[in-house]
Protein backbone atom coordinates (compact mmCIF):
# COMPACT_ATOMS: atom_id res chain seq x y z
CA MET A 1 4.40 4.83 19.94
CA ARG A 2 3.68 3.27 23.30
CA GLN A 3 4.80 -0.33 23.73
CA GLN A 4 1.31 -1.68 24.36
CA ASP A 5 0.01 -0.03 21.18
CA ALA A 6 2.58 -1.91 19.09
CA ARG A 7 1.83 -5.39 20.42
CA ASN A 8 0.94 -8.15 17.99
CA LEU A 9 -0.80 -10.68 20.20
CA SER A 10 0.02 -13.42 17.72
CA MET A 11 3.47 -13.36 19.31
CA VAL A 12 2.06 -14.26 22.74
CA MET A 13 3.38 -17.82 22.66
CA ASP A 14 6.00 -20.01 24.23
CA PHE A 15 9.20 -20.12 22.21
CA TYR A 16 8.98 -23.88 21.93
CA GLU A 17 5.91 -23.49 19.76
CA MET A 18 8.13 -21.81 17.19
CA THR A 19 10.96 -24.34 17.52
CA MET A 20 8.57 -27.28 17.14
CA ALA A 21 6.77 -25.62 14.23
CA ASN A 22 10.08 -25.04 12.46
CA GLY A 23 10.99 -28.68 13.14
CA TYR A 24 7.76 -29.93 11.57
CA PHE A 25 8.32 -27.60 8.61
CA GLN A 26 11.88 -28.78 8.02
CA ASP A 27 10.75 -32.40 8.24
CA GLY A 28 8.05 -31.84 5.65
CA VAL A 29 5.20 -32.92 7.96
CA GLY A 30 3.82 -29.49 8.91
CA ALA A 31 0.69 -29.92 6.79
CA ARG A 32 -0.39 -33.16 8.44
CA GLN A 33 -3.59 -32.80 10.40
CA ALA A 34 -3.44 -33.18 14.16
CA ALA A 35 -6.04 -32.94 16.89
CA PHE A 36 -5.31 -31.27 20.22
CA ASP A 37 -7.60 -31.08 23.26
CA VAL A 38 -7.78 -28.41 25.95
CA PHE A 39 -8.89 -29.84 29.28
CA TYR A 40 -8.18 -29.33 32.96
CA ARG A 41 -7.57 -31.77 35.79
CA GLN A 42 -9.05 -30.30 38.97
CA ASN A 43 -11.83 -27.88 39.93
CA PRO A 44 -10.64 -24.77 41.79
CA ASP A 45 -11.24 -24.56 45.54
CA GLY A 46 -12.32 -28.20 45.72
CA GLY A 47 -15.57 -27.26 43.97
CA GLY A 48 -17.90 -29.57 42.07
CA PHE A 49 -17.57 -27.84 38.68
CA ALA A 50 -16.06 -24.92 36.77
CA ILE A 51 -17.31 -22.32 34.26
CA PHE A 52 -15.91 -22.11 30.73
CA ALA A 53 -14.91 -18.56 29.76
CA GLY A 54 -12.64 -16.73 27.33
CA LEU A 55 -14.00 -18.09 24.03
CA GLU A 56 -14.69 -14.68 22.50
CA GLN A 57 -11.06 -13.65 22.99
CA ILE A 58 -9.89 -16.95 21.47
CA VAL A 59 -12.02 -16.26 18.40
CA GLN A 60 -10.55 -12.77 18.09
CA TYR A 61 -7.02 -14.12 18.47
CA ILE A 62 -7.39 -16.76 15.75
CA GLU A 63 -9.09 -14.36 13.35
CA ASN A 64 -6.22 -11.89 13.73
CA LEU A 65 -3.40 -14.44 13.79
CA HIS A 66 -0.52 -13.13 11.64
CA PHE A 67 3.15 -12.28 11.75
CA SER A 68 4.30 -8.82 10.75
CA ALA A 69 7.57 -7.87 9.14
CA GLN A 70 8.76 -6.69 12.54
CA ASP A 71 7.85 -10.08 14.05
CA ILE A 72 9.73 -11.91 11.29
CA ASP A 73 12.80 -9.72 11.85
CA PHE A 74 12.74 -10.56 15.56
CA LEU A 75 12.48 -14.28 14.87
CA ARG A 76 15.23 -14.13 12.26
CA ALA A 77 17.49 -12.47 14.82
CA GLN A 78 17.21 -15.56 17.05
CA GLY A 79 19.30 -17.44 14.50
CA MET A 80 17.29 -20.66 14.78
CA PHE A 81 14.80 -20.62 11.92
CA SER A 82 15.18 -21.29 8.21
CA ALA A 83 14.43 -18.60 5.65
CA GLU A 84 11.76 -20.84 4.14
CA PHE A 85 10.00 -21.22 7.50
CA LEU A 86 10.10 -17.47 8.12
CA ASN A 87 8.61 -16.90 4.68
CA TYR A 88 5.86 -19.37 5.60
CA LEU A 89 5.12 -17.36 8.74
CA ALA A 90 5.05 -14.11 6.75
CA HIS A 91 2.12 -15.51 4.74
CA PHE A 92 0.53 -17.40 7.62
CA HIS A 93 -3.21 -17.82 8.07
CA PHE A 94 -5.09 -20.29 10.22
CA SER A 95 -6.81 -22.93 8.09
CA GLY A 96 -7.91 -25.40 10.75
CA SER A 97 -11.09 -26.19 12.63
CA VAL A 98 -11.93 -25.45 16.26
CA TYR A 99 -14.68 -26.95 18.40
CA ALA A 100 -15.50 -25.59 21.85
CA LEU A 101 -18.02 -25.44 24.62
CA LYS A 102 -20.29 -22.44 24.47
CA GLU A 103 -18.99 -19.74 26.75
CA GLY A 104 -20.62 -19.96 30.16
CA THR A 105 -20.99 -23.76 30.02
CA VAL A 106 -20.51 -25.75 33.22
CA MET A 107 -17.53 -28.08 32.79
CA TYR A 108 -15.68 -30.84 34.58
CA PRO A 109 -12.11 -32.17 34.87
CA GLY A 110 -10.83 -34.37 32.07
CA THR A 111 -13.46 -33.27 29.56
CA PRO A 112 -12.36 -31.70 26.25
CA ILE A 113 -13.45 -28.07 26.42
CA VAL A 114 -11.75 -26.95 23.20
CA THR A 115 -10.54 -29.19 20.37
CA VAL A 116 -8.29 -27.88 17.60
CA VAL A 117 -8.02 -29.92 14.38
CA ALA A 118 -5.50 -28.33 12.04
CA PRO A 119 -2.18 -28.77 10.25
CA VAL A 120 0.17 -29.60 13.10
CA ILE A 121 2.15 -26.35 12.76
CA GLU A 122 -1.02 -24.26 13.06
CA ALA A 123 -2.35 -26.32 15.95
CA GLN A 124 0.97 -25.94 17.76
CA LEU A 125 1.21 -22.17 17.34
CA VAL A 126 -2.13 -21.39 19.05
CA GLU A 127 -1.40 -23.34 22.24
CA THR A 128 -0.33 -20.58 24.60
CA ALA A 129 -2.99 -18.08 23.59
CA LEU A 130 -5.80 -20.61 24.01
CA LEU A 131 -4.55 -21.70 27.39
CA LEU A 132 -3.95 -18.26 28.84
CA GLU A 133 -7.42 -17.02 27.85
CA ILE A 134 -9.15 -20.12 29.20
CA ASN A 135 -7.04 -20.43 32.33
CA HIS A 136 -7.56 -16.81 33.36
CA GLN A 137 -11.18 -16.18 32.53
CA SER A 138 -12.45 -19.63 33.51
CA LEU A 139 -10.73 -19.28 36.87
CA ILE A 140 -12.32 -15.89 37.58
CA ALA A 141 -15.75 -16.87 36.23
CA THR A 142 -15.73 -19.95 38.45
CA LYS A 143 -14.75 -17.90 41.50
CA ALA A 144 -17.43 -15.34 40.69
CA SER A 145 -20.05 -18.08 40.49
CA ARG A 146 -19.06 -19.33 43.94
CA ILE A 147 -19.21 -15.83 45.43
CA VAL A 148 -22.56 -15.03 43.84
CA ARG A 149 -24.05 -18.29 45.10
CA ALA A 150 -22.72 -17.54 48.58
CA ALA A 151 -24.46 -14.14 48.49
CA GLN A 152 -27.85 -15.86 48.13
CA GLY A 153 -29.47 -13.24 45.94
CA ARG A 154 -27.74 -10.20 47.40
CA GLY A 155 -25.93 -7.94 44.96
CA VAL A 156 -22.25 -8.53 44.17
CA SER A 157 -19.93 -6.07 42.43
CA ASP A 158 -16.36 -6.54 41.19
CA PHE A 159 -14.07 -4.14 43.08
CA GLY A 160 -10.81 -5.84 42.12
CA ALA A 161 -8.96 -3.75 39.52
CA ARG A 162 -6.35 -2.22 41.81
CA ARG A 163 -5.34 -5.69 43.06
CA ALA A 164 -5.32 -7.38 39.65
CA HIS A 165 -2.01 -8.59 38.25
CA ASN A 166 -2.02 -6.05 35.41
CA MET A 167 -4.36 -3.93 33.29
CA ASP A 168 -5.47 -6.77 31.02
CA SER A 169 -6.26 -9.04 33.96
CA ALA A 170 -8.33 -6.28 35.54
CA VAL A 171 -10.37 -5.73 32.38
CA TYR A 172 -10.82 -9.34 31.31
CA GLY A 173 -11.20 -10.42 34.93
CA ALA A 174 -14.13 -8.02 35.18
CA ARG A 175 -15.60 -9.60 32.04
CA ALA A 176 -15.23 -13.09 33.49
CA SER A 177 -16.67 -11.96 36.82
CA TYR A 178 -19.76 -10.58 35.12
CA LEU A 179 -20.13 -13.74 33.05
CA GLY A 180 -19.94 -15.73 36.29
CA GLY A 181 -22.79 -13.80 37.84
CA VAL A 182 -21.69 -10.54 39.47
CA ASP A 183 -23.95 -7.55 38.87
CA ALA A 184 -21.47 -4.77 38.10
CA THR A 185 -17.83 -3.73 38.02
CA ALA A 186 -15.89 -0.75 39.28
CA THR A 187 -13.49 -1.06 36.31
CA VAL A 188 -14.49 1.67 33.87
CA LEU A 189 -12.73 0.26 30.80
CA ALA A 190 -14.49 -3.09 31.27
CA GLY A 191 -17.80 -1.27 31.38
CA GLN A 192 -16.92 0.61 28.21
CA MET A 193 -15.65 -2.43 26.31
CA PHE A 194 -18.21 -5.02 27.32
CA GLY A 195 -21.31 -3.09 28.38
CA ILE A 196 -21.02 -4.17 32.01
CA PRO A 197 -22.84 -1.88 34.47
CA VAL A 198 -20.29 0.23 36.35
CA THR A 199 -20.57 1.11 39.99
CA GLY A 200 -18.64 3.12 42.55
CA THR A 201 -19.13 5.54 45.41
CA MET A 202 -16.25 7.20 47.23
CA ALA A 203 -12.94 6.29 48.85
CA HIS A 204 -11.78 7.16 52.34
CA SER A 205 -9.60 9.85 50.74
CA TYR A 206 -12.73 11.81 49.77
CA VAL A 207 -13.75 12.09 53.41
CA MET A 208 -10.18 12.72 54.56
CA PHE A 209 -9.65 15.46 51.96
CA TYR A 210 -12.42 17.62 53.43
CA GLY A 211 -11.31 16.82 56.97
CA ASP A 212 -14.93 16.78 58.11
CA GLU A 213 -16.98 13.66 57.50
CA ARG A 214 -20.34 15.37 57.56
CA LEU A 215 -19.16 18.05 55.13
CA ALA A 216 -17.79 15.40 52.77
CA PHE A 217 -21.08 13.51 52.88
CA GLU A 218 -23.05 16.69 52.24
CA LYS A 219 -20.98 17.61 49.20
CA TYR A 220 -21.27 14.11 47.80
CA ALA A 221 -25.03 14.06 48.35
CA ARG A 222 -25.50 17.38 46.58
CA THR A 223 -23.40 16.15 43.66
CA TYR A 224 -25.12 12.75 43.36
CA PRO A 225 -28.58 13.11 44.90
CA ASP A 226 -30.02 10.23 42.84
CA ALA A 227 -27.23 7.75 43.58
CA CYS A 228 -25.90 8.63 46.99
CA VAL A 229 -24.05 5.81 48.77
CA LEU A 230 -21.82 6.95 51.63
CA LEU A 231 -18.69 5.23 52.97
CA VAL A 232 -19.14 5.29 56.74
CA ASP A 233 -16.01 3.69 58.23
CA THR A 234 -13.33 6.36 57.70
CA TYR A 235 -13.37 7.21 61.40
CA ASP A 236 -15.98 5.35 63.47
CA VAL A 237 -18.94 3.58 61.88
CA LEU A 238 -21.43 3.81 64.73
CA GLN A 239 -20.30 6.96 66.49
CA SER A 240 -19.62 9.08 63.43
CA GLY A 241 -20.22 7.52 60.02
CA VAL A 242 -23.81 6.33 60.30
CA PRO A 243 -25.04 9.33 62.35
CA ASN A 244 -23.55 11.71 59.78
CA ALA A 245 -25.09 9.72 56.94
CA ILE A 246 -28.49 9.95 58.63
CA ARG A 247 -28.15 13.71 59.12
CA VAL A 248 -27.28 14.20 55.45
CA ALA A 249 -30.20 11.99 54.43
CA LYS A 250 -32.59 14.10 56.51
CA GLU A 251 -31.13 17.57 56.05
CA VAL A 252 -29.84 17.44 52.46
CA LEU A 253 -31.48 14.67 50.47
CA GLU A 254 -35.03 14.60 51.82
CA PRO A 255 -35.61 18.35 51.32
CA MET A 256 -34.66 17.67 47.67
CA GLY A 257 -37.19 14.85 47.50
CA LYS A 258 -34.40 12.26 47.37
CA ARG A 259 -33.51 9.24 49.46
CA LEU A 260 -30.19 7.95 50.73
CA LYS A 261 -29.50 4.89 48.57
CA GLY A 262 -27.01 3.15 50.81
CA VAL A 263 -24.07 3.12 53.15
CA ARG A 264 -20.91 1.06 52.72
CA ILE A 265 -18.78 -0.50 55.45
CA ASP A 266 -15.25 -1.46 54.40
CA SER A 267 -13.66 -2.63 57.65
CA GLY A 268 -14.30 -3.91 61.14
CA ASP A 269 -16.69 -6.58 62.40
CA LEU A 270 -19.06 -6.49 59.44
CA ALA A 271 -21.70 -8.71 61.02
CA TYR A 272 -21.91 -6.68 64.23
CA LEU A 273 -21.62 -3.29 62.51
CA SER A 274 -24.26 -4.13 59.91
CA LYS A 275 -26.79 -5.14 62.57
CA LYS A 276 -26.24 -1.95 64.55
CA THR A 277 -26.29 0.13 61.37
CA ARG A 278 -29.57 -1.46 60.26
CA ALA A 279 -31.17 -0.65 63.63
CA MET A 280 -30.01 2.99 63.43
CA LEU A 281 -31.23 3.43 59.86
CA ASP A 282 -34.59 1.83 60.59
CA ALA A 283 -35.04 4.05 63.65
CA ALA A 284 -34.41 7.05 61.40
CA GLU A 285 -37.10 5.85 58.95
CA LEU A 286 -34.48 4.86 56.40
CA ALA A 287 -35.51 1.23 56.03
CA ASP A 288 -35.01 1.50 52.27
CA CYS A 289 -31.35 2.49 52.67
CA LYS A 290 -29.17 -0.50 51.77
CA ILE A 291 -26.08 -1.60 53.66
CA LEU A 292 -23.15 -2.72 51.53
CA ALA A 293 -19.93 -4.41 52.64
CA SER A 294 -16.48 -4.57 51.08
CA GLY A 295 -12.97 -5.49 52.14
CA SER A 296 -11.24 -8.87 51.60
CA LEU A 297 -14.44 -10.79 50.96
CA ASP A 298 -14.91 -14.15 49.27
CA GLU A 299 -17.49 -16.94 49.28
CA ASN A 300 -16.36 -18.18 52.69
CA THR A 301 -16.48 -14.82 54.47
CA ILE A 302 -19.80 -13.98 52.82
CA THR A 303 -21.27 -17.32 53.89
CA SER A 304 -20.03 -16.72 57.42
CA LEU A 305 -21.52 -13.21 57.54
CA ILE A 306 -24.91 -14.44 56.37
CA ASN A 307 -24.83 -17.30 58.89
CA GLN A 308 -24.12 -14.72 61.61
CA GLY A 309 -27.25 -12.82 60.65
CA ALA A 310 -25.42 -9.86 59.12
CA ARG A 311 -27.84 -7.23 57.79
CA LEU A 312 -26.12 -6.75 54.43
CA ASP A 313 -27.78 -6.11 51.09
CA GLY A 314 -24.76 -6.38 48.81
CA PHE A 315 -21.04 -6.95 48.56
CA GLY A 316 -18.11 -5.34 46.77
CA VAL A 317 -15.54 -8.08 46.23
CA GLY A 318 -11.99 -7.23 45.24
CA GLU A 319 -8.69 -9.05 45.48
CA ARG A 320 -10.05 -12.48 46.36
CA LEU A 321 -12.21 -12.42 43.24
CA ILE A 322 -9.97 -10.76 40.65
CA THR A 323 -6.96 -12.92 41.62
CA ALA A 324 -8.92 -15.99 42.77
CA ARG A 325 -6.56 -15.74 45.72
CA SER A 326 -7.50 -19.03 47.39
CA GLU A 327 -6.43 -21.04 44.31
CA PRO A 328 -4.98 -18.75 41.66
CA VAL A 329 -4.08 -21.33 38.99
CA PHE A 330 -6.71 -23.04 36.85
CA GLY A 331 -4.42 -25.59 35.22
CA ALA A 332 -5.91 -26.22 31.77
CA VAL A 333 -3.51 -28.04 29.44
CA TYR A 334 -3.22 -28.60 25.69
CA LYS A 335 -2.46 -32.15 24.61
CA LEU A 336 -2.12 -33.95 21.29
CA CYS A 337 -4.79 -36.64 20.99
CA ALA A 338 -4.69 -37.78 17.33
CA VAL A 339 -2.64 -37.48 14.13
CA GLU A 340 -3.79 -38.00 10.57
CA GLU A 341 -2.28 -41.08 8.94
CA ASP A 342 -3.43 -42.30 5.50
CA GLY A 343 -6.50 -40.10 5.67
CA GLN A 344 -7.61 -41.37 9.08
CA PHE A 345 -7.04 -40.08 12.60
CA THR A 346 -4.74 -42.31 14.63
CA PRO A 347 -5.00 -41.87 18.40
CA ARG A 348 -2.13 -40.64 20.55
CA ILE A 349 -1.84 -40.93 24.32
CA LYS A 350 0.40 -39.43 27.00
CA ILE A 351 1.22 -41.89 29.77
CA SER A 352 2.37 -40.92 33.24
CA GLU A 353 3.01 -42.54 36.59
CA ASN A 354 0.50 -39.97 37.85
CA VAL A 355 -2.78 -41.54 36.83
CA GLU A 356 -4.56 -38.18 36.57
CA LYS A 357 -2.05 -37.11 33.88
CA ILE A 358 -2.84 -39.99 31.51
CA THR A 359 -4.68 -38.44 28.58
CA ILE A 360 -7.80 -39.58 26.79
CA PRO A 361 -6.76 -40.36 23.20
CA HIS A 362 -8.39 -39.70 19.85
CA PHE A 363 -10.57 -37.06 18.21
CA LYS A 364 -13.61 -36.87 20.48
CA LYS A 365 -16.90 -35.22 21.26
CA VAL A 366 -18.82 -34.75 24.50
CA TYR A 367 -22.45 -35.40 25.36
CA ARG A 368 -24.31 -34.16 28.42
CA PHE A 369 -27.32 -36.12 29.63
CA TYR A 370 -30.29 -34.24 31.10
CA GLY A 371 -33.24 -35.82 32.90
CA ARG A 372 -36.37 -35.33 30.82
CA ASP A 373 -38.42 -35.14 34.01
CA THR A 374 -36.16 -32.78 36.02
CA GLY A 375 -34.10 -30.88 33.45
CA LYS A 376 -31.09 -31.56 35.67
CA ALA A 377 -27.71 -32.68 34.36
CA ILE A 378 -27.09 -36.37 35.06
CA ALA A 379 -23.68 -37.12 33.53
CA ASP A 380 -21.27 -36.34 30.69
CA LEU A 381 -20.12 -38.97 28.21
CA ILE A 382 -16.96 -38.58 26.12
CA THR A 383 -17.13 -40.52 22.84
CA LEU A 384 -15.26 -40.89 19.59
CA HIS A 385 -15.98 -38.03 17.18
CA ASP A 386 -18.15 -40.23 14.95
CA GLU A 387 -20.17 -41.97 17.67
CA GLN A 388 -23.85 -41.22 18.17
CA VAL A 389 -25.77 -41.61 21.42
CA ASP A 390 -29.33 -42.91 21.13
CA ASP A 391 -31.23 -41.20 23.94
CA THR A 392 -34.40 -43.15 23.16
CA GLN A 393 -32.78 -46.18 24.80
CA ASP A 394 -31.51 -46.72 28.34
CA LEU A 395 -27.72 -46.56 28.64
CA GLU A 396 -25.22 -47.99 31.11
CA ILE A 397 -22.22 -45.76 31.85
CA PHE A 398 -19.20 -46.44 34.05
CA ASP A 399 -16.42 -44.61 35.87
CA PRO A 400 -13.28 -44.98 33.69
CA MET A 401 -11.06 -44.87 36.79
CA ALA A 402 -13.14 -47.44 38.69
CA THR A 403 -14.95 -49.52 36.09
CA TRP A 404 -16.98 -51.46 38.63
CA LYS A 405 -18.88 -48.25 39.40
CA ARG A 406 -21.75 -48.27 36.91
CA LYS A 407 -24.93 -46.31 36.47
CA ASP A 408 -28.03 -46.85 34.35
CA VAL A 409 -29.21 -43.68 32.60
CA TYR A 410 -32.83 -43.57 31.48
CA ASN A 411 -35.47 -41.04 30.46
CA PHE A 412 -32.73 -38.66 29.39
CA GLU A 413 -31.94 -36.21 26.62
CA ALA A 414 -28.41 -36.24 25.15
CA ARG A 415 -26.96 -32.93 23.94
CA GLU A 416 -23.60 -32.44 22.25
CA LEU A 417 -21.52 -29.83 24.05
CA LEU A 418 -18.70 -29.01 21.63
CA VAL A 419 -19.90 -26.73 18.84
CA PRO A 420 -18.01 -25.72 15.67
CA ILE A 421 -16.25 -22.36 16.02
CA PHE A 422 -13.97 -22.46 12.94
CA LYS A 423 -14.26 -24.83 9.97
CA ASN A 424 -11.29 -24.98 7.61
CA GLY A 425 -10.14 -21.55 8.73
CA LYS A 426 -13.53 -19.85 8.42
CA ARG A 427 -15.39 -18.70 11.52
CA VAL A 428 -18.82 -20.35 11.63
CA TYR A 429 -19.86 -19.22 15.11
CA ASP A 430 -21.15 -15.84 16.23
CA CYS A 431 -20.16 -14.97 19.77
CA PRO A 432 -23.30 -13.85 21.63
CA PRO A 433 -23.45 -10.62 23.64
CA LEU A 434 -21.98 -10.83 27.13
CA GLU A 435 -25.41 -10.32 28.69
CA GLU A 436 -26.64 -13.41 26.86
CA ILE A 437 -23.60 -15.43 27.93
CA LYS A 438 -24.20 -14.39 31.55
CA ALA A 439 -27.83 -15.56 31.37
CA TYR A 440 -26.76 -18.83 29.75
CA CYS A 441 -24.20 -19.40 32.51
CA ALA A 442 -26.86 -18.88 35.19
CA GLN A 443 -29.15 -21.31 33.38
CA GLN A 444 -26.32 -23.85 33.21
CA VAL A 445 -25.70 -23.63 36.95
CA ASP A 446 -29.42 -24.07 37.55
CA THR A 447 -29.29 -27.47 35.80
CA LEU A 448 -27.04 -28.79 38.58
CA TRP A 449 -28.27 -30.58 41.66
CA ASP A 450 -27.57 -28.79 44.94
CA GLU A 451 -25.24 -31.61 45.96
CA VAL A 452 -22.92 -30.71 43.06
CA LYS A 453 -23.05 -26.99 43.89
CA ARG A 454 -22.18 -27.17 47.57
CA PHE A 455 -18.80 -25.73 48.55
CA ASP A 456 -17.68 -28.46 50.93
CA TYR A 457 -17.31 -32.03 49.67
CA PRO A 458 -19.51 -31.63 46.60
CA HIS A 459 -20.99 -34.69 44.96
CA LYS A 460 -18.72 -36.01 42.20
CA TYR A 461 -20.40 -35.55 38.85
CA TYR A 462 -20.14 -38.47 36.43
CA VAL A 463 -17.79 -37.95 33.45
CA ASP A 464 -17.49 -41.26 31.65
CA LEU A 465 -16.03 -42.73 28.46
CA SER A 466 -17.88 -44.66 25.81
CA ASP A 467 -17.02 -48.36 25.55
CA LYS A 468 -15.21 -47.79 22.25
CA LEU A 469 -13.13 -44.92 23.58
CA TRP A 470 -12.26 -46.76 26.79
CA ASP A 471 -11.14 -49.81 24.80
CA ILE A 472 -8.86 -47.64 22.64
CA GLN A 473 -7.34 -46.00 25.72
CA GLN A 474 -6.69 -49.35 27.39
CA CYS A 475 -5.16 -50.80 24.23
CA LEU A 476 -2.78 -47.85 23.96
CA LEU A 477 -1.86 -48.15 27.63
CA ARG A 478 -0.90 -51.78 27.07
CA THR A 479 1.04 -51.27 23.86
CA SER A 480 2.62 -47.79 24.04
CA GLN A 481 6.30 -47.50 24.87
CA LEU A 482 7.07 -45.64 28.07
């Protein structure tokens, strides 16, 4: 059996999750309820927001969470765990509750994006899996959203598999890219698993194999007359590639009643080459032939190309998308925020000399305010889990880091963002199809003002605390022992 076939993903966890869980078990407190939040501290690339992704894989992980006999044998061999604890793991099932943003939701630093309320052992054991799914897919979905917005309506395809960190990151990175707005992927398994449109033409090796560019183009055109896109930069774009593509369009495709769909340029001065290529194609009465670009592209290079007047109809984006190369760490964390004591949740806080690392205590929920007149998002408000916002009344909110900064919110609709995913171990949420998540993500981005969406120095979106929650945080800051 191959190693990857034998994997139990329940074992994808940091070892300290097991040592802490065993400690709780031995102390007899493992059944006490605890609340943990997933949140992140900074938007990638200095952006104004991020995209939540990876929920479907979290749901699958929790539903399949178990420890096999082989897993128990491995843990026993570490010599650190009691027989009673290992027996507990052998009969383990998740019995807690999970609340999360809908996948594709726009999100902001400091806001709970997933909350787990469960016996503390169970809540501890899911930490790594939740974080790795969210950190990876949210990072790539956010990067994809930036690239798609930079393309300004031109097509974008994921070309990144060969530069991904491993097979899983290629496949799930393609999923996140599609969720974030790209049109297609070159990764076949992602297309098969998730229903993403797959795309691809030829590599330079195809042209080099035949040793004659025109011959290679002719063979490709005869094989794929309805989807012929030719790679024109193996030798010389303007002296060889485009002229040969035009000849094949005229001498091979048009006699068959077909049209050349496109040409792709993978290197060189893309702005200059695309302009010259467009002029040559138009002169040959191939105005409908699209020009595609690939090769180390991201939102910045695409923006620059468009500003230079490049005549490009679409982009294949690889390594800088699939690895989010400009900022490849998302940074979501998993922090305890409340513990059950005498049937009530008691808040917990982490204090740090770094102000941004001070946590928001207690079991919480999140509201987003939308203007009734514009439909645009105005602000988020984090409240205690049992607070209700009355959106029939005006509301004053304030910046929790600079309390003198206040804003009156009026004529708004308040919507809760965290929805139940699991209740007492039972899944109560149906993950929508990826196509639906993608459409929801686009709709979410459309609710943002342009000032929040700009790449450079975006407007800071308001994420505030309710008065009650802020008072609890301040009280804990004054009284907690450092």
